[in-house]
Amino acid sequence: ETLNLSFLYKKTQSYYGNCGQKSIDPVVFYKLCLVGYLENIISDRKLIEHCSMRLDILFFLGFDIDEQLPWHSTLSRTRQLFPEKIFEEVFTHILGMCVDKGMVSG
């Protein structure tokens, strides 16, 4: 509730297709990127492994204990959807929101 990322749906809508396999939720994607950044995990495979073992992170992501997280390759493919400028702009905004809400410092 503290971190309202609903703006991501509109911001990323043009980068997602309408057909084919269901894509990763943009809120979940950016939350995973945030966890990777804050935990200093640069491997998508290790990030998913790490997140699947942490109840606090699962709660933050909105996943139940028995729900599967996205495949690590899905993170890589999703990251490639966004132009670098857009990804950095959105990620920096989210990190700033976390600082403003007192979730992280610095």
PDB file of N, CA and C in Angstrom:
ATOM      1  N   GLU A   1       0.815  -1.200   0.000  1.00  0.00           N
ATOM      2  CA  GLU A   1       0.000   0.000   0.000  1.00  0.00           C
ATOM      3  C   GLU A   1       0.857   1.262   0.000  1.00  0.00           C
ATOM      4  N   THR A   2       2.023   1.179   0.622  1.00  0.00           N
ATOM      5  CA  THR A   2       2.894   2.343   0.742  1.00  0.00           C
ATOM      6  C   THR A   2       3.446   2.772  -0.607  1.00  0.00           C
ATOM      7  N   LEU A   3       3.717   1.811  -1.463  1.00  0.00           N
ATOM      8  CA  LEU A   3       4.338   2.083  -2.754  1.00  0.00           C
ATOM      9  C   LEU A   3       3.320   1.819  -3.863  1.00  0.00           C
ATOM     10  N   ASN A   4       2.650   2.859  -4.322  1.00  0.00           N
ATOM     11  CA  ASN A   4       1.626   2.717  -5.356  1.00  0.00           C
ATOM     12  C   ASN A   4       2.280   2.806  -6.734  1.00  0.00           C
ATOM     13  N   LEU A   5       2.381   1.666  -7.381  1.00  0.00           N
ATOM     14  CA  LEU A   5       3.030   1.609  -8.697  1.00  0.00           C
ATOM     15  C   LEU A   5       2.026   1.420  -9.830  1.00  0.00           C
ATOM     16  N   SER A   6       0.775   1.741  -9.585  1.00  0.00           N
ATOM     17  CA  SER A   6      -0.251   1.535 -10.610  1.00  0.00           C
ATOM     18  C   SER A   6      -0.002   2.376 -11.869  1.00  0.00           C
ATOM     19  N   PHE A   7       0.765   3.445 -11.747  1.00  0.00           N
ATOM     20  CA  PHE A   7       1.083   4.280 -12.917  1.00  0.00           C
ATOM     21  C   PHE A   7       1.857   3.489 -13.974  1.00  0.00           C
ATOM     22  N   LEU A   8       2.480   2.379 -13.559  1.00  0.00           N
ATOM     23  CA  LEU A   8       3.279   1.578 -14.495  1.00  0.00           C
ATOM     24  C   LEU A   8       2.436   0.960 -15.606  1.00  0.00           C
ATOM     25  N   TYR A   9       1.183   0.649 -15.333  1.00  0.00           N
ATOM     26  CA  TYR A   9       0.334   0.026 -16.351  1.00  0.00           C
ATOM     27  C   TYR A   9       0.178   0.942 -17.556  1.00  0.00           C
ATOM     28  N   LYS A  10      -0.086   2.203 -17.300  1.00  0.00           N
ATOM     29  CA  LYS A  10      -0.241   3.152 -18.401  1.00  0.00           C
ATOM     30  C   LYS A  10       1.109   3.460 -19.050  1.00  0.00           C
ATOM     31  N   LYS A  11       2.135   3.612 -18.233  1.00  0.00           N
ATOM     32  CA  LYS A  11       3.469   3.987 -18.721  1.00  0.00           C
ATOM     33  C   LYS A  11       4.070   2.906 -19.626  1.00  0.00           C
ATOM     34  N   THR A  12       3.778   1.630 -19.343  1.00  0.00           N
ATOM     35  CA  THR A  12       4.406   0.526 -20.090  1.00  0.00           C
ATOM     36  C   THR A  12       3.465  -0.140 -21.088  1.00  0.00           C
ATOM     37  N   GLN A  13       2.234   0.301 -21.161  1.00  0.00           N
ATOM     38  CA  GLN A  13       1.216  -0.333 -22.000  1.00  0.00           C
ATOM     39  C   GLN A  13       1.659  -0.514 -23.451  1.00  0.00           C
ATOM     40  N   SER A  14       2.309   0.469 -24.016  1.00  0.00           N
ATOM     41  CA  SER A  14       2.684   0.401 -25.433  1.00  0.00           C
ATOM     42  C   SER A  14       3.794  -0.616 -25.711  1.00  0.00           C
ATOM     43  N   TYR A  15       4.464  -1.123 -24.690  1.00  0.00           N
ATOM     44  CA  TYR A  15       5.553  -2.070 -24.877  1.00  0.00           C
ATOM     45  C   TYR A  15       5.105  -3.525 -24.752  1.00  0.00           C
ATOM     46  N   TYR A  16       3.864  -3.730 -24.374  1.00  0.00           N
ATOM     47  CA  TYR A  16       3.318  -5.072 -24.214  1.00  0.00           C
ATOM     48  C   TYR A  16       2.382  -5.384 -25.364  1.00  0.00           C
ATOM     49  N   GLY A  17       2.417  -6.635 -25.830  1.00  0.00           N
ATOM     50  CA  GLY A  17       1.532  -7.073 -26.904  1.00  0.00           C
ATOM     51  C   GLY A  17       0.182  -7.511 -26.374  1.00  0.00           C
ATOM     52  N   ASN A  18      -0.739  -7.770 -27.311  1.00  0.00           N
ATOM     53  CA  ASN A  18      -2.097  -8.178 -26.944  1.00  0.00           C
ATOM     54  C   ASN A  18      -2.336  -9.670 -27.134  1.00  0.00           C
ATOM     55  N   CYS A  19      -1.428 -10.337 -27.807  1.00  0.00           N
ATOM     56  CA  CYS A  19      -1.645 -11.756 -28.078  1.00  0.00           C
ATOM     57  C   CYS A  19      -0.421 -12.558 -27.620  1.00  0.00           C
ATOM     58  N   GLY A  20      -0.554 -13.849 -27.684  1.00  0.00           N
ATOM     59  CA  GLY A  20       0.548 -14.709 -27.271  1.00  0.00           C
ATOM     60  C   GLY A  20       0.496 -15.002 -25.781  1.00  0.00           C
ATOM     61  N   GLN A  21       1.619 -15.466 -25.261  1.00  0.00           N
ATOM     62  CA  GLN A  21       1.696 -15.837 -23.858  1.00  0.00           C
ATOM     63  C   GLN A  21       1.588 -14.604 -22.960  1.00  0.00           C
ATOM     64  N   LYS A  22       0.945 -14.766 -21.809  1.00  0.00           N
ATOM     65  CA  LYS A  22       0.754 -13.653 -20.890  1.00  0.00           C
ATOM     66  C   LYS A  22       2.112 -13.154 -20.391  1.00  0.00           C
ATOM     67  N   SER A  23       2.285 -11.845 -20.388  1.00  0.00           N
ATOM     68  CA  SER A  23       3.542 -11.230 -19.968  1.00  0.00           C
ATOM     69  C   SER A  23       3.572 -11.040 -18.456  1.00  0.00           C
ATOM     70  N   ILE A  24       4.760 -10.791 -17.934  1.00  0.00           N
ATOM     71  CA  ILE A  24       4.924 -10.498 -16.517  1.00  0.00           C
ATOM     72  C   ILE A  24       4.296  -9.139 -16.225  1.00  0.00           C
ATOM     73  N   ASP A  25       3.628  -9.050 -15.118  1.00  0.00           N
ATOM     74  CA  ASP A  25       3.014  -7.799 -14.673  1.00  0.00           C
ATOM     75  C   ASP A  25       4.121  -6.750 -14.517  1.00  0.00           C
ATOM     76  N   PRO A  26       3.940  -5.545 -15.087  1.00  0.00           N
ATOM     77  CA  PRO A  26       4.999  -4.543 -14.994  1.00  0.00           C
ATOM     78  C   PRO A  26       5.323  -4.142 -13.552  1.00  0.00           C
ATOM     79  N   VAL A  27       4.339  -4.186 -12.663  1.00  0.00           N
ATOM     80  CA  VAL A  27       4.598  -3.861 -11.258  1.00  0.00           C
ATOM     81  C   VAL A  27       5.505  -4.918 -10.646  1.00  0.00           C
ATOM     82  N   VAL A  28       5.218  -6.178 -10.917  1.00  0.00           N
ATOM     83  CA  VAL A  28       6.060  -7.268 -10.411  1.00  0.00           C
ATOM     84  C   VAL A  28       7.463  -7.168 -11.017  1.00  0.00           C
ATOM     85  N   PHE A  29       7.545  -6.878 -12.304  1.00  0.00           N
ATOM     86  CA  PHE A  29       8.846  -6.757 -12.966  1.00  0.00           C
ATOM     87  C   PHE A  29       9.706  -5.674 -12.305  1.00  0.00           C
ATOM     88  N   TYR A  30       9.139  -4.496 -12.116  1.00  0.00           N
ATOM     89  CA  TYR A  30       9.925  -3.407 -11.528  1.00  0.00           C
ATOM     90  C   TYR A  30      10.220  -3.646 -10.049  1.00  0.00           C
ATOM     91  N   LYS A  31       9.330  -4.312  -9.348  1.00  0.00           N
ATOM     92  CA  LYS A  31       9.619  -4.661  -7.956  1.00  0.00           C
ATOM     93  C   LYS A  31      10.784  -5.648  -7.893  1.00  0.00           C
ATOM     94  N   LEU A  32      10.805  -6.608  -8.806  1.00  0.00           N
ATOM     95  CA  LEU A  32      11.935  -7.551  -8.856  1.00  0.00           C
ATOM     96  C   LEU A  32      13.237  -6.819  -9.176  1.00  0.00           C
ATOM     97  N   CYS A  33      13.188  -5.885 -10.101  1.00  0.00           N
ATOM     98  CA  CYS A  33      14.376  -5.086 -10.429  1.00  0.00           C
ATOM     99  C   CYS A  33      14.837  -4.289  -9.213  1.00  0.00           C
ATOM    100  N   LEU A  34      13.892  -3.749  -8.466  1.00  0.00           N
ATOM    101  CA  LEU A  34      14.213  -2.988  -7.263  1.00  0.00           C
ATOM    102  C   LEU A  34      14.886  -3.874  -6.226  1.00  0.00           C
ATOM    103  N   VAL A  35      14.351  -5.065  -6.013  1.00  0.00           N
ATOM    104  CA  VAL A  35      14.961  -6.008  -5.069  1.00  0.00           C
ATOM    105  C   VAL A  35      16.375  -6.355  -5.521  1.00  0.00           C
ATOM    106  N   GLY A  36      16.558  -6.623  -6.804  1.00  0.00           N
ATOM    107  CA  GLY A  36      17.885  -6.925  -7.319  1.00  0.00           C
ATOM    108  C   GLY A  36      18.867  -5.794  -7.079  1.00  0.00           C
ATOM    109  N   TYR A  37      18.406  -4.580  -7.284  1.00  0.00           N
ATOM    110  CA  TYR A  37      19.259  -3.407  -7.070  1.00  0.00           C
ATOM    111  C   TYR A  37      19.625  -3.261  -5.594  1.00  0.00           C
ATOM    112  N   LEU A  38      18.623  -3.342  -4.730  1.00  0.00           N
ATOM    113  CA  LEU A  38      18.864  -3.136  -3.296  1.00  0.00           C
ATOM    114  C   LEU A  38      19.644  -4.272  -2.650  1.00  0.00           C
ATOM    115  N   GLU A  39      19.495  -5.475  -3.181  1.00  0.00           N
ATOM    116  CA  GLU A  39      20.199  -6.638  -2.631  1.00  0.00           C
ATOM    117  C   GLU A  39      21.511  -6.914  -3.381  1.00  0.00           C
ATOM    118  N   ASN A  40      21.818  -6.067  -4.364  1.00  0.00           N
ATOM    119  CA  ASN A  40      23.039  -6.196  -5.163  1.00  0.00           C
ATOM    120  C   ASN A  40      23.140  -7.560  -5.854  1.00  0.00           C
ATOM    121  N   ILE A  41      22.048  -7.942  -6.507  1.00  0.00           N
ATOM    122  CA  ILE A  41      21.992  -9.208  -7.251  1.00  0.00           C
ATOM    123  C   ILE A  41      21.870  -8.861  -8.724  1.00  0.00           C
ATOM    124  N   ILE A  42      22.870  -9.213  -9.522  1.00  0.00           N
ATOM    125  CA  ILE A  42      22.862  -8.837 -10.933  1.00  0.00           C
ATOM    126  C   ILE A  42      22.423  -9.974 -11.853  1.00  0.00           C
ATOM    127  N   SER A  43      22.335 -11.179 -11.336  1.00  0.00           N
ATOM    128  CA  SER A  43      21.905 -12.329 -12.126  1.00  0.00           C
ATOM    129  C   SER A  43      20.407 -12.531 -11.943  1.00  0.00           C
ATOM    130  N   ASP A  44      19.688 -12.593 -13.064  1.00  0.00           N
ATOM    131  CA  ASP A  44      18.246 -12.824 -12.986  1.00  0.00           C
ATOM    132  C   ASP A  44      17.937 -14.175 -12.361  1.00  0.00           C
ATOM    133  N   ARG A  45      18.739 -15.169 -12.676  1.00  0.00           N
ATOM    134  CA  ARG A  45      18.547 -16.506 -12.117  1.00  0.00           C
ATOM    135  C   ARG A  45      18.700 -16.470 -10.589  1.00  0.00           C
ATOM    136  N   LYS A  46      19.745 -15.800 -10.109  1.00  0.00           N
ATOM    137  CA  LYS A  46      19.973 -15.705  -8.666  1.00  0.00           C
ATOM    138  C   LYS A  46      18.912 -14.834  -7.993  1.00  0.00           C
ATOM    139  N   LEU A  47      18.441 -13.817  -8.693  1.00  0.00           N
ATOM    140  CA  LEU A  47      17.404 -12.952  -8.146  1.00  0.00           C
ATOM    141  C   LEU A  47      16.121 -13.743  -7.883  1.00  0.00           C
ATOM    142  N   ILE A  48      15.695 -14.525  -8.851  1.00  0.00           N
ATOM    143  CA  ILE A  48      14.480 -15.330  -8.688  1.00  0.00           C
ATOM    144  C   ILE A  48      14.676 -16.361  -7.571  1.00  0.00           C
ATOM    145  N   GLU A  49      15.835 -16.974  -7.535  1.00  0.00           N
ATOM    146  CA  GLU A  49      16.139 -17.946  -6.480  1.00  0.00           C
ATOM    147  C   GLU A  49      16.085 -17.271  -5.101  1.00  0.00           C
ATOM    148  N   HIS A  50      16.701 -16.108  -4.996  1.00  0.00           N
ATOM    149  CA  HIS A  50      16.730 -15.352  -3.743  1.00  0.00           C
ATOM    150  C   HIS A  50      15.320 -14.962  -3.302  1.00  0.00           C
ATOM    151  N   CYS A  51      14.542 -14.414  -4.219  1.00  0.00           N
ATOM    152  CA  CYS A  51      13.200 -13.945  -3.896  1.00  0.00           C
ATOM    153  C   CYS A  51      12.276 -15.087  -3.500  1.00  0.00           C
ATOM    154  N   SER A  52      12.465 -16.245  -4.096  1.00  0.00           N
ATOM    155  CA  SER A  52      11.592 -17.380  -3.787  1.00  0.00           C
ATOM    156  C   SER A  52      11.824 -17.922  -2.380  1.00  0.00           C
ATOM    157  N   MET A  53      12.953 -17.570  -1.762  1.00  0.00           N
ATOM    158  CA  MET A  53      13.287 -18.049  -0.419  1.00  0.00           C
ATOM    159  C   MET A  53      12.962 -17.026   0.674  1.00  0.00           C
ATOM    160  N   ARG A  54      12.526 -15.846   0.301  1.00  0.00           N
ATOM    161  CA  ARG A  54      12.300 -14.772   1.275  1.00  0.00           C
ATOM    162  C   ARG A  54      10.824 -14.419   1.352  1.00  0.00           C
ATOM    163  N   LEU A  55      10.218 -14.692   2.500  1.00  0.00           N
ATOM    164  CA  LEU A  55       8.795 -14.416   2.684  1.00  0.00           C
ATOM    165  C   LEU A  55       8.487 -12.924   2.597  1.00  0.00           C
ATOM    166  N   ASP A  56       9.393 -12.086   3.098  1.00  0.00           N
ATOM    167  CA  ASP A  56       9.156 -10.647   3.044  1.00  0.00           C
ATOM    168  C   ASP A  56       9.123 -10.139   1.603  1.00  0.00           C
ATOM    169  N   ILE A  57       9.994 -10.689   0.783  1.00  0.00           N
ATOM    170  CA  ILE A  57      10.025 -10.273  -0.623  1.00  0.00           C
ATOM    171  C   ILE A  57       8.807 -10.815  -1.363  1.00  0.00           C
ATOM    172  N   LEU A  58       8.422 -12.063  -1.085  1.00  0.00           N
ATOM    173  CA  LEU A  58       7.216 -12.621  -1.705  1.00  0.00           C
ATOM    174  C   LEU A  58       6.005 -11.755  -1.371  1.00  0.00           C
ATOM    175  N   PHE A  59       5.917 -11.317  -0.125  1.00  0.00           N
ATOM    176  CA  PHE A  59       4.816 -10.440   0.296  1.00  0.00           C
ATOM    177  C   PHE A  59       4.869  -9.117  -0.464  1.00  0.00           C
ATOM    178  N   PHE A  60       6.063  -8.536  -0.578  1.00  0.00           N
ATOM    179  CA  PHE A  60       6.256  -7.281  -1.308  1.00  0.00           C
ATOM    180  C   PHE A  60       5.830  -7.426  -2.770  1.00  0.00           C
ATOM    181  N   LEU A  61       6.131  -8.581  -3.356  1.00  0.00           N
ATOM    182  CA  LEU A  61       5.790  -8.828  -4.756  1.00  0.00           C
ATOM    183  C   LEU A  61       4.312  -9.163  -4.954  1.00  0.00           C
ATOM    184  N   GLY A  62       3.633  -9.525  -3.857  1.00  0.00           N
ATOM    185  CA  GLY A  62       2.235  -9.908  -3.956  1.00  0.00           C
ATOM    186  C   GLY A  62       2.031 -11.370  -4.293  1.00  0.00           C
ATOM    187  N   PHE A  63       3.014 -12.205  -3.978  1.00  0.00           N
ATOM    188  CA  PHE A  63       2.936 -13.632  -4.261  1.00  0.00           C
ATOM    189  C   PHE A  63       2.690 -14.414  -2.976  1.00  0.00           C
ATOM    190  N   ASP A  64       1.901 -15.484  -3.081  1.00  0.00           N
ATOM    191  CA  ASP A  64       1.711 -16.399  -1.966  1.00  0.00           C
ATOM    192  C   ASP A  64       2.901 -17.340  -1.895  1.00  0.00           C
ATOM    193  N   ILE A  65       3.049 -17.989  -0.764  1.00  0.00           N
ATOM    194  CA  ILE A  65       4.202 -18.860  -0.528  1.00  0.00           C
ATOM    195  C   ILE A  65       4.271 -20.017  -1.530  1.00  0.00           C
ATOM    196  N   ASP A  66       3.119 -20.439  -2.038  1.00  0.00           N
ATOM    197  CA  ASP A  66       3.102 -21.580  -2.962  1.00  0.00           C
ATOM    198  C   ASP A  66       3.018 -21.160  -4.432  1.00  0.00           C
ATOM    199  N   GLU A  67       3.057 -19.874  -4.703  1.00  0.00           N
ATOM    200  CA  GLU A  67       3.005 -19.379  -6.087  1.00  0.00           C
ATOM    201  C   GLU A  67       4.400 -19.349  -6.693  1.00  0.00           C
ATOM    202  N   GLN A  68       4.477 -19.723  -7.961  1.00  0.00           N
ATOM    203  CA  GLN A  68       5.737 -19.687  -8.692  1.00  0.00           C
ATOM    204  C   GLN A  68       6.046 -18.261  -9.146  1.00  0.00           C
ATOM    205  N   LEU A  69       7.276 -17.844  -8.939  1.00  0.00           N
ATOM    206  CA  LEU A  69       7.722 -16.563  -9.494  1.00  0.00           C
ATOM    207  C   LEU A  69       7.975 -16.743 -10.988  1.00  0.00           C
ATOM    208  N   PRO A  70       8.048 -15.653 -11.732  1.00  0.00           N
ATOM    209  CA  PRO A  70       8.341 -15.776 -13.169  1.00  0.00           C
ATOM    210  C   PRO A  70       9.710 -16.427 -13.391  1.00  0.00           C
ATOM    211  N   TRP A  71       9.883 -17.028 -14.543  1.00  0.00           N
ATOM    212  CA  TRP A  71      11.175 -17.598 -14.909  1.00  0.00           C
ATOM    213  C   TRP A  71      12.198 -16.474 -15.046  1.00  0.00           C
ATOM    214  N   HIS A  72      13.442 -16.770 -14.748  1.00  0.00           N
ATOM    215  CA  HIS A  72      14.505 -15.765 -14.865  1.00  0.00           C
ATOM    216  C   HIS A  72      14.618 -15.239 -16.284  1.00  0.00           C
ATOM    217  N   SER A  73      14.372 -16.099 -17.266  1.00  0.00           N
ATOM    218  CA  SER A  73      14.479 -15.659 -18.659  1.00  0.00           C
ATOM    219  C   SER A  73      13.367 -14.661 -19.014  1.00  0.00           C
ATOM    220  N   THR A  74      12.251 -14.741 -18.320  1.00  0.00           N
ATOM    221  CA  THR A  74      11.168 -13.791 -18.538  1.00  0.00           C
ATOM    222  C   THR A  74      11.606 -12.388 -18.120  1.00  0.00           C
ATOM    223  N   LEU A  75      12.381 -12.305 -17.047  1.00  0.00           N
ATOM    224  CA  LEU A  75      12.905 -10.993 -16.633  1.00  0.00           C
ATOM    225  C   LEU A  75      13.808 -10.408 -17.708  1.00  0.00           C
ATOM    226  N   SER A  76      14.693 -11.231 -18.236  1.00  0.00           N
ATOM    227  CA  SER A  76      15.620 -10.756 -19.273  1.00  0.00           C
ATOM    228  C   SER A  76      14.866 -10.279 -20.508  1.00  0.00           C
ATOM    229  N   ARG A  77      13.894 -11.073 -20.938  1.00  0.00           N
ATOM    230  CA  ARG A  77      13.124 -10.693 -22.139  1.00  0.00           C
ATOM    231  C   ARG A  77      12.303  -9.432 -21.888  1.00  0.00           C
ATOM    232  N   THR A  78      11.736  -9.316 -20.701  1.00  0.00           N
ATOM    233  CA  THR A  78      10.929  -8.132 -20.387  1.00  0.00           C
ATOM    234  C   THR A  78      11.798  -6.887 -20.338  1.00  0.00           C
ATOM    235  N   ARG A  79      12.982  -7.002 -19.776  1.00  0.00           N
ATOM    236  CA  ARG A  79      13.903  -5.864 -19.704  1.00  0.00           C
ATOM    237  C   ARG A  79      14.250  -5.367 -21.106  1.00  0.00           C
ATOM    238  N   GLN A  80      14.314  -6.273 -22.066  1.00  0.00           N
ATOM    239  CA  GLN A  80      14.652  -5.906 -23.436  1.00  0.00           C
ATOM    240  C   GLN A  80      13.507  -5.192 -24.155  1.00  0.00           C
ATOM    241  N   LEU A  81      12.291  -5.299 -23.611  1.00  0.00           N
ATOM    242  CA  LEU A  81      11.138  -4.616 -24.225  1.00  0.00           C
ATOM    243  C   LEU A  81      11.268  -3.100 -24.158  1.00  0.00           C
ATOM    244  N   PHE A  82      11.836  -2.635 -23.059  1.00  0.00           N
ATOM    245  CA  PHE A  82      11.868  -1.203 -22.794  1.00  0.00           C
ATOM    246  C   PHE A  82      13.144  -0.564 -23.321  1.00  0.00           C
ATOM    247  N   PRO A  83      13.018   0.586 -23.986  1.00  0.00           N
ATOM    248  CA  PRO A  83      14.225   1.336 -24.333  1.00  0.00           C
ATOM    249  C   PRO A  83      14.968   1.700 -23.042  1.00  0.00           C
ATOM    250  N   GLU A  84      16.283   1.744 -23.104  1.00  0.00           N
ATOM    251  CA  GLU A  84      17.103   2.000 -21.912  1.00  0.00           C
ATOM    252  C   GLU A  84      16.683   3.284 -21.200  1.00  0.00           C
ATOM    253  N   LYS A  85      16.396   4.320 -21.962  1.00  0.00           N
ATOM    254  CA  LYS A  85      16.015   5.608 -21.371  1.00  0.00           C
ATOM    255  C   LYS A  85      14.736   5.467 -20.543  1.00  0.00           C
ATOM    256  N   ILE A  86      13.751   4.761 -21.077  1.00  0.00           N
ATOM    257  CA  ILE A  86      12.477   4.574 -20.376  1.00  0.00           C
ATOM    258  C   ILE A  86      12.688   3.731 -19.122  1.00  0.00           C
ATOM    259  N   PHE A  87      13.441   2.637 -19.254  1.00  0.00           N
ATOM    260  CA  PHE A  87      13.690   1.771 -18.104  1.00  0.00           C
ATOM    261  C   PHE A  87      14.354   2.552 -16.975  1.00  0.00           C
ATOM    262  N   GLU A  88      15.407   3.290 -17.289  1.00  0.00           N
ATOM    263  CA  GLU A  88      16.126   4.061 -16.274  1.00  0.00           C
ATOM    264  C   GLU A  88      15.248   5.154 -15.664  1.00  0.00           C
ATOM    265  N   GLU A  89      14.470   5.826 -16.491  1.00  0.00           N
ATOM    266  CA  GLU A  89      13.588   6.888 -16.007  1.00  0.00           C
ATOM    267  C   GLU A  89      12.563   6.327 -15.007  1.00  0.00           C
ATOM    268  N   VAL A  90      11.929   5.229 -15.374  1.00  0.00           N
ATOM    269  CA  VAL A  90      10.916   4.616 -14.513  1.00  0.00           C
ATOM    270  C   VAL A  90      11.554   4.067 -13.244  1.00  0.00           C
ATOM    271  N   PHE A  91      12.683   3.368 -13.393  1.00  0.00           N
ATOM    272  CA  PHE A  91      13.330   2.775 -12.231  1.00  0.00           C
ATOM    273  C   PHE A  91      13.799   3.855 -11.254  1.00  0.00           C
ATOM    274  N   THR A  92      14.376   4.917 -11.761  1.00  0.00           N
ATOM    275  CA  THR A  92      14.829   6.021 -10.910  1.00  0.00           C
ATOM    276  C   THR A  92      13.654   6.662 -10.185  1.00  0.00           C
ATOM    277  N   HIS A  93      12.542   6.792 -10.872  1.00  0.00           N
ATOM    278  CA  HIS A  93      11.326   7.350 -10.250  1.00  0.00           C
ATOM    279  C   HIS A  93      10.857   6.444  -9.106  1.00  0.00           C
ATOM    280  N   ILE A  94      10.835   5.136  -9.334  1.00  0.00           N
ATOM    281  CA  ILE A  94      10.401   4.182  -8.303  1.00  0.00           C
ATOM    282  C   ILE A  94      11.355   4.217  -7.115  1.00  0.00           C
ATOM    283  N   LEU A  95      12.641   4.256  -7.373  1.00  0.00           N
ATOM    284  CA  LEU A  95      13.621   4.330  -6.290  1.00  0.00           C
ATOM    285  C   LEU A  95      13.430   5.619  -5.496  1.00  0.00           C
ATOM    286  N   GLY A  96      13.162   6.705  -6.170  1.00  0.00           N
ATOM    287  CA  GLY A  96      12.881   7.974  -5.497  1.00  0.00           C
ATOM    288  C   GLY A  96      11.628   7.900  -4.631  1.00  0.00           C
ATOM    289  N   MET A  97      10.618   7.192  -5.119  1.00  0.00           N
ATOM    290  CA  MET A  97       9.394   6.993  -4.337  1.00  0.00           C
ATOM    291  C   MET A  97       9.714   6.236  -3.041  1.00  0.00           C
ATOM    292  N   CYS A  98      10.568   5.225  -3.164  1.00  0.00           N
ATOM    293  CA  CYS A  98      10.968   4.434  -1.980  1.00  0.00           C
ATOM    294  C   CYS A  98      11.704   5.302  -0.952  1.00  0.00           C
ATOM    295  N   VAL A  99      12.564   6.169  -1.444  1.00  0.00           N
ATOM    296  CA  VAL A  99      13.302   7.073  -0.544  1.00  0.00           C
ATOM    297  C   VAL A  99      12.324   8.047   0.126  1.00  0.00           C
ATOM    298  N   ASP A 100      11.408   8.615  -0.668  1.00  0.00           N
ATOM    299  CA  ASP A 100      10.433   9.563  -0.137  1.00  0.00           C
ATOM    300  C   ASP A 100       9.530   8.942   0.928  1.00  0.00           C
ATOM    301  N   LYS A 101       9.220   7.664   0.772  1.00  0.00           N
ATOM    302  CA  LYS A 101       8.349   6.964   1.722  1.00  0.00           C
ATOM    303  C   LYS A 101       9.131   6.395   2.912  1.00  0.00           C
ATOM    304  N   GLY A 102      10.460   6.560   2.908  1.00  0.00           N
ATOM    305  CA  GLY A 102      11.271   6.066   4.011  1.00  0.00           C
ATOM    306  C   GLY A 102      11.535   4.577   3.969  1.00  0.00           C
ATOM    307  N   MET A 103      11.323   3.980   2.818  1.00  0.00           N
ATOM    308  CA  MET A 103      11.553   2.538   2.676  1.00  0.00           C
ATOM    309  C   MET A 103      13.035   2.217   2.536  1.00  0.00           C
ATOM    310  N   VAL A 104      13.778   3.117   1.929  1.00  0.00           N
ATOM    311  CA  VAL A 104      15.236   2.988   1.787  1.00  0.00           C
ATOM    312  C   VAL A 104      15.827   4.362   2.055  1.00  0.00           C
ATOM    313  N   SER A 105      17.105   4.382   2.347  1.00  0.00           N
ATOM    314  CA  SER A 105      17.766   5.677   2.567  1.00  0.00           C
ATOM    315  C   SER A 105      18.827   5.879   1.501  1.00  0.00           C
ATOM    316  N   GLY A 106      19.153   7.127   1.266  1.00  0.00           N
ATOM    317  CA  GLY A 106      20.217   7.425   0.317  1.00  0.00           C
ATOM    318  C   GLY A 106      19.708   7.982  -0.975  1.00  0.00           C
TER     319      GLY A 106
END
